[in-house]
Structure formats: structure tokens, C-alpha cells
Amino acid sequence: MPSDTQTIERLVSETPAMPDIQAKGAGAISGANVPILQVGVSNFRLPLLYLGSRGGKLSLETQVSATVSLGADEKGVHMSRLLRTFYDFQDRVFTPELLEEVLLALKEDLESSRARLKLSFNYPIEQESLLSELTGYQYYPVIFEGVIDDLNRFRRFIHFDFVYSSACPCSAALAEHARQERGSYGIPHSQRSKARVSVEIKPGQHLDLKELQQYLLSALKTETQVMVKREDEQAFAELNGQYPKFVEDAARLIYEVLDSDERIKDFQVVCAHFESLHTHDAVAVINKGLPGGFRAQVDDFGSLLC
């Protein structure tokens, strides 16, 4: 008797060729016969390799969004080709630099003129406690983004989230006023806050995620903690008292450190302070201001406040 494999091969060989409806030509198009800027897949999940903050490789679950352009006379794209392209790279270490090679492969495999790629993952960096010498892992939401146009001009971006505490300078002054004038004990309010930085890296330059995290830490001082004993909690309270900040202060402090790095071509900073006094939140957006560069949009708040 033939084996199961032989039976399947015989059935496949006897099956007529499957139809391919990705036809070209105006007659095959539904709706307006116009080009499409991006078509592809979103939130396709798979493990990819990244450089660890202490060297070596990390395998991290990654959400992949990959799109290509579609000409006016083209019916569609083979979505499976988008996915298969990533499996060709699954043993490589993904860096912003590697995205150019992946995008060129997408353009070739899908016969498109432009392509865009986003890799979203949570990146672990070991954090030491403030005083007690404990350590724990802080996880940072990161997106590697790459775009390539019809002339194969490549741009690469890193989007990085950083969570910190912000003590309100106004609240601190009012609490001190109450103590001095009425002998009343008041506690300045602090709130958990978040900064999202988006940086475009110059061609030929490299920026580590640990470096980006250190820039934000040096600017804001009051990153939320992982491992805490009583002495750490006290030290954290003192840091908040030493570095109170409005949301606009936070945005400007981050601007200062990013603008000092010549490897960064352009950047945008979005900050949100999740108010403990108000039912609304305080937000600020700032960018380097290059022509054709990042532009502040209200939509940035929505993704940050989730």
C-alpha cells in the first residue's frame, strides 16, 4: 500500500492548479483604481532575537506590523509572503540596522516600491535599588521602526517608553506654605508618569537601548522602582522632593539630553502625568523641529495614556 505521504503527493499532482486572484489590471480592481499607501499584516507574533543590555542574545516575544505599497492596477499582496520573510531572519539578531535588509527583502518578495516595518517588544534592563543593593528587572516597551521608499532611501526609528514619578512643584509649595503659616501637615502629591521618546538615528550610527534608558534616567531622576525596602522608599521620596517637575519640565529635560547626542538626527518627546489631584491628565509634546521631521499630534496622547 502507498504511504500517507505518497497518497498526498499523488492527490496534489492530480489537483488542477489553484486559482490566483491577485490579478493585475483595472478590470480586476474593486472600487476606485487608486494606489494604496500601506497594506499588510499587524500584530503578527513570533520570538525574535535582540542584544541584551549586558551583552549576549535575548529571545523576546515580538509583535510585527509589516506593510508594503500597492500599485493602482494591483489587486492585492500575498500576505503569507510577508510572514515567511520574517522566518528567513528569525536566527538573526534584530537591531535597527537590520531592518533595512528586511525591508529590502519585503520589497523584492512582494514586488512593491515601498515598505514599512514595526517590531514591538518589552525589553528587560536590570535595575538596582536606590540604597539596599537589591536588583530587579524593569521592562520597557520598545518599538523598532523602519521605512524604505521607492529609491531605497532607508530611515530607522526607536520608540521607547519610560515610567517615572512626578512630584507637583505647586503642591510642594502649597504644602510648605501650610506648614509655615498654619502649622498644618500636608503631603505634596506625586503621580506615576510616562514619557515616550521617538528618535531617528543617523545613517551609520548606533544607539543602544540601555543608553536611551540612561538618558531618560539622567534627565528625570525619579524612575519608578522594582525592588524596594524601607530605606529605598525613603530615598525615593527624597528624590521626588529634590526633583519636582511639571509635565513641561519633564519634556524640556528630555529634550536637553537627546539634543546633545549627535547620533540622533531627529526626535520627539511625549510626556503624560496621570494626575492624582485632577480627573484629567497633564500632557506635553516637544520635538527637535526639523523640516519634514517629527510632528506633534494629538493621537500620540491616546497611545501613551493607555
Protein backbone atom coordinates (compact mmCIF):
# COMPACT_ATOMS: atom_id res chain seq x y z
CA MET A 1 0.00 0.00 0.00
CA PRO A 2 1.24 3.52 -0.68
CA SER A 3 2.25 5.59 2.33
CA ASP A 4 0.25 8.58 3.51
CA THR A 5 2.92 10.86 2.08
CA GLN A 6 2.75 9.16 -1.31
CA THR A 7 -1.05 9.42 -1.29
CA ILE A 8 -0.91 13.15 -0.53
CA GLU A 9 1.70 13.73 -3.23
CA ARG A 10 -0.46 11.86 -5.77
CA LEU A 11 -3.56 13.88 -4.85
CA VAL A 12 -1.66 17.15 -5.10
CA SER A 13 -0.23 16.20 -8.50
CA GLU A 14 -3.70 15.31 -9.79
CA THR A 15 -5.30 18.54 -8.47
CA PRO A 16 -5.71 21.30 -11.07
CA ALA A 17 -3.66 24.42 -10.48
CA MET A 18 -5.21 26.57 -7.76
CA PRO A 19 -6.56 29.92 -8.89
CA ASP A 20 -4.52 33.06 -8.17
CA ILE A 21 -6.86 36.01 -7.81
CA GLN A 22 -4.05 38.53 -7.29
CA ALA A 23 -4.61 39.62 -10.85
CA LYS A 24 -3.43 42.90 -12.29
CA GLY A 25 -5.25 45.35 -14.46
CA ALA A 26 -8.02 47.89 -13.98
CA GLY A 27 -10.72 45.29 -14.63
CA ALA A 28 -9.69 43.26 -11.56
CA ILE A 29 -9.97 46.17 -9.11
CA SER A 30 -12.93 46.59 -6.78
CA GLY A 31 -13.71 50.21 -6.01
CA ALA A 32 -11.53 53.13 -7.08
CA ASN A 33 -8.50 52.17 -9.14
CA VAL A 34 -6.00 54.05 -6.99
CA PRO A 35 -2.71 53.12 -5.29
CA ILE A 36 -2.67 52.09 -1.60
CA LEU A 37 -0.02 53.53 0.69
CA GLN A 38 0.22 50.54 3.04
CA VAL A 39 -1.24 47.05 3.03
CA GLY A 40 0.00 44.10 5.06
CA VAL A 41 -0.22 42.49 8.49
CA SER A 42 -0.47 43.89 12.02
CA ASN A 43 0.42 42.26 15.35
CA PHE A 44 1.84 39.08 13.88
CA ARG A 45 3.60 37.42 16.85
CA LEU A 46 6.83 35.47 16.95
CA PRO A 47 10.01 35.27 19.07
CA LEU A 48 12.91 37.33 17.73
CA LEU A 49 16.48 37.77 18.96
CA TYR A 50 17.81 41.05 20.37
CA LEU A 51 21.01 42.23 22.02
CA GLY A 52 20.79 42.08 25.81
CA SER A 53 21.66 45.08 27.98
CA ARG A 54 24.62 43.12 29.36
CA GLY A 55 25.62 41.51 26.08
CA GLY A 56 24.52 38.18 24.68
CA LYS A 57 21.20 37.48 22.99
CA LEU A 58 17.62 37.73 24.23
CA SER A 59 14.66 35.91 22.69
CA LEU A 60 11.64 38.19 23.13
CA GLU A 61 8.04 37.84 22.02
CA THR A 62 7.54 40.44 19.30
CA GLN A 63 4.51 41.93 17.62
CA VAL A 64 5.30 42.54 13.97
CA SER A 65 3.49 45.00 11.75
CA ALA A 66 4.72 44.92 8.16
CA THR A 67 3.24 46.69 5.17
CA VAL A 68 4.12 47.39 1.55
CA SER A 69 2.72 49.75 -1.05
CA LEU A 70 0.27 48.59 -3.71
CA GLY A 71 0.04 49.98 -7.23
CA ALA A 72 -3.23 51.19 -8.71
CA ASP A 73 -3.54 48.22 -11.09
CA GLU A 74 -2.64 45.59 -8.49
CA LYS A 75 -5.38 43.55 -6.84
CA GLY A 76 -3.55 42.71 -3.61
CA VAL A 77 -0.49 41.17 -1.97
CA HIS A 78 0.33 37.65 -0.81
CA MET A 79 0.14 38.11 2.96
CA SER A 80 1.87 34.79 3.60
CA ARG A 81 4.98 36.11 1.86
CA LEU A 82 5.20 38.88 4.43
CA LEU A 83 5.19 36.33 7.22
CA ARG A 84 7.60 33.92 5.54
CA THR A 85 10.13 36.71 5.10
CA PHE A 86 10.48 37.01 8.87
CA TYR A 87 11.13 33.33 9.32
CA ASP A 88 14.07 33.76 6.95
CA PHE A 89 15.52 36.20 9.51
CA GLN A 90 14.47 34.50 12.75
CA ASP A 91 18.00 33.36 13.62
CA ARG A 92 19.44 36.88 13.19
CA VAL A 93 19.81 39.42 15.99
CA PHE A 94 17.38 42.24 15.30
CA THR A 95 18.78 45.74 15.53
CA PRO A 96 17.56 48.95 13.90
CA GLU A 97 20.30 48.43 11.33
CA LEU A 98 18.97 45.00 10.31
CA LEU A 99 15.59 46.49 9.42
CA GLU A 100 16.96 47.83 6.13
CA GLU A 101 17.85 44.31 4.98
CA VAL A 102 14.41 43.02 5.99
CA LEU A 103 12.65 45.88 4.20
CA LEU A 104 14.61 45.30 1.01
CA ALA A 105 13.61 41.63 1.16
CA LEU A 106 9.95 42.62 1.64
CA LYS A 107 10.09 44.91 -1.38
CA GLU A 108 11.62 42.19 -3.51
CA ASP A 109 9.35 39.37 -2.30
CA LEU A 110 6.18 41.44 -2.68
CA GLU A 111 7.33 43.36 -5.78
CA SER A 112 6.48 46.66 -4.12
CA SER A 113 8.07 50.08 -4.31
CA ARG A 114 7.87 50.98 -0.59
CA ALA A 115 7.76 49.12 2.72
CA ARG A 116 7.30 49.84 6.42
CA LEU A 117 8.07 47.70 9.46
CA LYS A 118 7.43 47.91 13.20
CA LEU A 119 8.70 45.46 15.82
CA SER A 120 7.09 45.90 19.26
CA PHE A 121 8.52 44.15 22.34
CA ASN A 122 9.21 44.60 26.07
CA TYR A 123 12.91 44.97 26.77
CA PRO A 124 14.32 43.98 30.21
CA ILE A 125 17.05 46.02 31.89
CA GLU A 126 18.29 45.15 35.37
CA GLN A 127 17.71 47.94 37.89
CA GLU A 128 19.50 48.37 41.20
CA SER A 129 17.53 49.65 44.20
CA LEU A 130 18.40 53.11 45.47
CA LEU A 131 20.12 52.05 48.72
CA SER A 132 19.54 48.42 49.70
CA GLU A 133 21.60 46.83 46.87
CA LEU A 134 18.66 44.74 45.66
CA THR A 135 18.16 44.21 41.93
CA GLY A 136 15.14 43.53 39.74
CA TYR A 137 14.15 43.70 36.10
CA GLN A 138 12.42 46.78 34.72
CA TYR A 139 10.63 46.15 31.41
CA TYR A 140 10.48 48.90 28.79
CA PRO A 141 8.02 48.90 25.87
CA VAL A 142 10.08 49.39 22.70
CA ILE A 143 9.31 49.70 19.00
CA PHE A 144 11.92 49.36 16.27
CA GLU A 145 10.55 51.05 13.15
CA GLY A 146 11.96 51.17 9.63
CA VAL A 147 10.69 52.66 6.37
CA ILE A 148 12.11 52.46 2.87
CA ASP A 149 10.90 54.34 -0.20
CA ASP A 150 10.89 53.71 -3.94
CA LEU A 151 14.51 54.96 -4.19
CA ASN A 152 15.62 52.60 -1.38
CA ARG A 153 16.15 55.51 1.00
CA PHE A 154 16.05 54.00 4.48
CA ARG A 155 15.04 55.63 7.77
CA ARG A 156 15.09 53.95 11.19
CA PHE A 157 13.48 54.93 14.46
CA ILE A 158 13.36 53.76 18.06
CA HIS A 159 10.27 54.41 20.20
CA PHE A 160 10.95 53.93 23.92
CA ASP A 161 8.63 54.20 26.96
CA PHE A 162 9.92 55.28 30.38
CA VAL A 163 7.79 55.39 33.56
CA TYR A 164 8.68 57.84 36.34
CA SER A 165 7.23 59.69 39.31
CA SER A 166 6.46 63.41 39.13
CA ALA A 167 6.00 65.49 42.27
CA CYS A 168 3.99 68.65 41.57
CA PRO A 169 6.05 71.81 42.32
CA CYS A 170 2.86 73.79 43.04
CA SER A 171 1.61 71.18 45.51
CA ALA A 172 5.00 71.11 47.24
CA ALA A 173 5.00 74.90 47.64
CA LEU A 174 1.43 74.90 48.99
CA ALA A 175 2.21 72.12 51.49
CA GLU A 176 5.21 74.08 52.75
CA HIS A 177 3.11 77.25 52.97
CA ALA A 178 0.51 75.44 55.08
CA ARG A 179 3.26 74.18 57.43
CA GLN A 180 4.83 77.61 57.86
CA GLU A 181 1.63 79.66 58.12
CA ARG A 182 -0.73 77.35 59.99
CA GLY A 183 1.42 74.53 61.31
CA SER A 184 -0.65 72.19 59.14
CA TYR A 185 0.84 68.91 57.91
CA GLY A 186 0.38 68.48 54.17
CA ILE A 187 1.80 65.98 51.68
CA PRO A 188 2.71 67.21 48.17
CA HIS A 189 1.07 65.00 45.60
CA SER A 190 3.06 62.86 43.19
CA GLN A 191 1.83 60.80 40.29
CA ARG A 192 3.03 57.97 38.13
CA SER A 193 4.03 59.45 34.78
CA LYS A 194 5.18 58.24 31.41
CA ALA A 195 7.48 59.55 28.70
CA ARG A 196 7.61 58.18 25.19
CA VAL A 197 10.63 59.20 23.14
CA SER A 198 10.91 58.60 19.42
CA VAL A 199 14.37 59.03 17.91
CA GLU A 200 15.59 58.85 14.34
CA ILE A 201 19.15 57.55 14.17
CA LYS A 202 21.60 59.00 11.65
CA PRO A 203 22.88 56.64 8.91
CA GLY A 204 25.93 54.71 10.04
CA GLN A 205 25.29 55.38 13.74
CA HIS A 206 24.13 53.01 16.50
CA LEU A 207 22.26 53.75 19.74
CA ASP A 208 21.80 51.08 22.42
CA LEU A 209 18.52 50.76 24.31
CA LYS A 210 20.45 50.90 27.58
CA GLU A 211 21.93 54.24 26.50
CA LEU A 212 18.48 55.59 25.77
CA GLN A 213 17.25 54.41 29.17
CA GLN A 214 20.20 56.11 30.86
CA TYR A 215 19.47 59.37 29.05
CA LEU A 216 15.93 59.38 30.43
CA LEU A 217 17.09 58.44 33.92
CA SER A 218 19.68 61.23 33.96
CA ALA A 219 17.07 63.75 32.78
CA LEU A 220 14.16 62.81 35.07
CA LYS A 221 15.91 61.20 38.10
CA THR A 222 12.74 59.62 39.53
CA GLU A 223 12.20 56.39 37.62
CA THR A 224 9.72 54.01 39.27
CA GLN A 225 11.37 51.22 41.25
CA VAL A 226 11.24 47.43 41.07
CA MET A 227 12.78 46.18 44.34
CA VAL A 228 12.18 48.38 47.40
CA LYS A 229 12.96 48.19 51.13
CA ARG A 230 12.13 50.93 53.64
CA GLU A 231 15.37 52.80 53.04
CA ASP A 232 14.72 52.72 49.29
CA GLU A 233 11.21 54.11 49.73
CA GLN A 234 12.55 56.92 51.87
CA ALA A 235 15.25 57.70 49.30
CA PHE A 236 12.63 57.72 46.54
CA ALA A 237 10.51 60.21 48.49
CA GLU A 238 13.57 62.42 48.89
CA LEU A 239 14.29 62.24 45.15
CA ASN A 240 10.74 63.36 44.41
CA GLY A 241 11.20 66.27 46.81
CA GLN A 242 14.54 67.18 45.26
CA TYR A 243 13.33 66.98 41.65
CA PRO A 244 9.70 68.17 41.45
CA LYS A 245 8.54 68.69 37.88
CA PHE A 246 5.62 69.86 35.80
CA VAL A 247 4.91 67.92 32.63
CA GLU A 248 6.50 70.69 30.53
CA ASP A 249 9.62 70.49 32.72
CA ALA A 250 9.90 66.77 32.00
CA ALA A 251 9.60 67.31 28.24
CA ARG A 252 12.29 70.01 28.24
CA LEU A 253 14.66 67.99 30.41
CA ILE A 254 14.44 65.07 27.99
CA TYR A 255 14.88 67.40 25.02
CA GLU A 256 18.14 68.65 26.54
CA VAL A 257 19.76 65.21 26.82
CA LEU A 258 18.57 63.94 23.42
CA ASP A 259 19.67 67.10 21.64
CA SER A 260 23.20 66.63 23.00
CA ASP A 261 23.72 63.29 21.15
CA GLU A 262 24.99 63.84 17.61
CA ARG A 263 23.97 60.29 16.63
CA ILE A 264 20.31 61.30 16.89
CA LYS A 265 19.08 63.06 13.78
CA ASP A 266 15.59 63.91 15.00
CA PHE A 267 13.41 63.16 18.00
CA GLN A 268 10.01 63.67 19.57
CA VAL A 269 9.12 63.55 23.27
CA VAL A 270 5.60 62.90 24.58
CA CYS A 271 5.03 63.12 28.35
CA ALA A 272 1.89 62.37 30.37
CA HIS A 273 1.39 62.92 34.09
CA PHE A 274 -1.53 60.85 35.37
CA GLU A 275 -2.85 63.38 37.86
CA SER A 276 -3.68 62.43 41.45
CA LEU A 277 -5.37 65.80 42.08
CA HIS A 278 -7.44 66.08 38.90
CA THR A 279 -9.68 63.71 36.98
CA HIS A 280 -7.80 64.70 33.82
CA ASP A 281 -4.14 64.19 32.89
CA ALA A 282 -1.39 66.67 32.02
CA VAL A 283 0.37 66.17 28.69
CA ALA A 284 3.21 67.77 26.74
CA VAL A 285 4.80 67.15 23.35
CA ILE A 286 8.06 68.56 22.06
CA ASN A 287 10.21 67.77 19.04
CA LYS A 288 13.50 68.89 17.59
CA GLY A 289 11.67 70.81 14.90
CA LEU A 290 13.45 69.65 11.75
CA PRO A 291 11.63 70.38 8.47
CA GLY A 292 9.97 67.17 7.37
CA GLY A 293 10.71 65.54 10.73
CA PHE A 294 8.52 64.54 13.65
CA ARG A 295 5.31 66.44 14.13
CA ALA A 296 3.33 66.51 17.39
CA GLN A 297 -0.13 65.00 17.01
CA VAL A 298 -2.99 64.59 19.44
CA ASP A 299 -3.10 60.89 18.57
CA ASP A 300 0.22 60.46 20.38
CA PHE A 301 -1.58 61.09 23.67
CA GLY A 302 -4.11 58.34 23.09
CA SER A 303 -1.50 55.60 22.70
CA LEU A 304 0.51 56.91 25.64
CA LEU A 305 -2.38 57.13 28.07
CA CYS A 306 -3.47 53.52 27.59
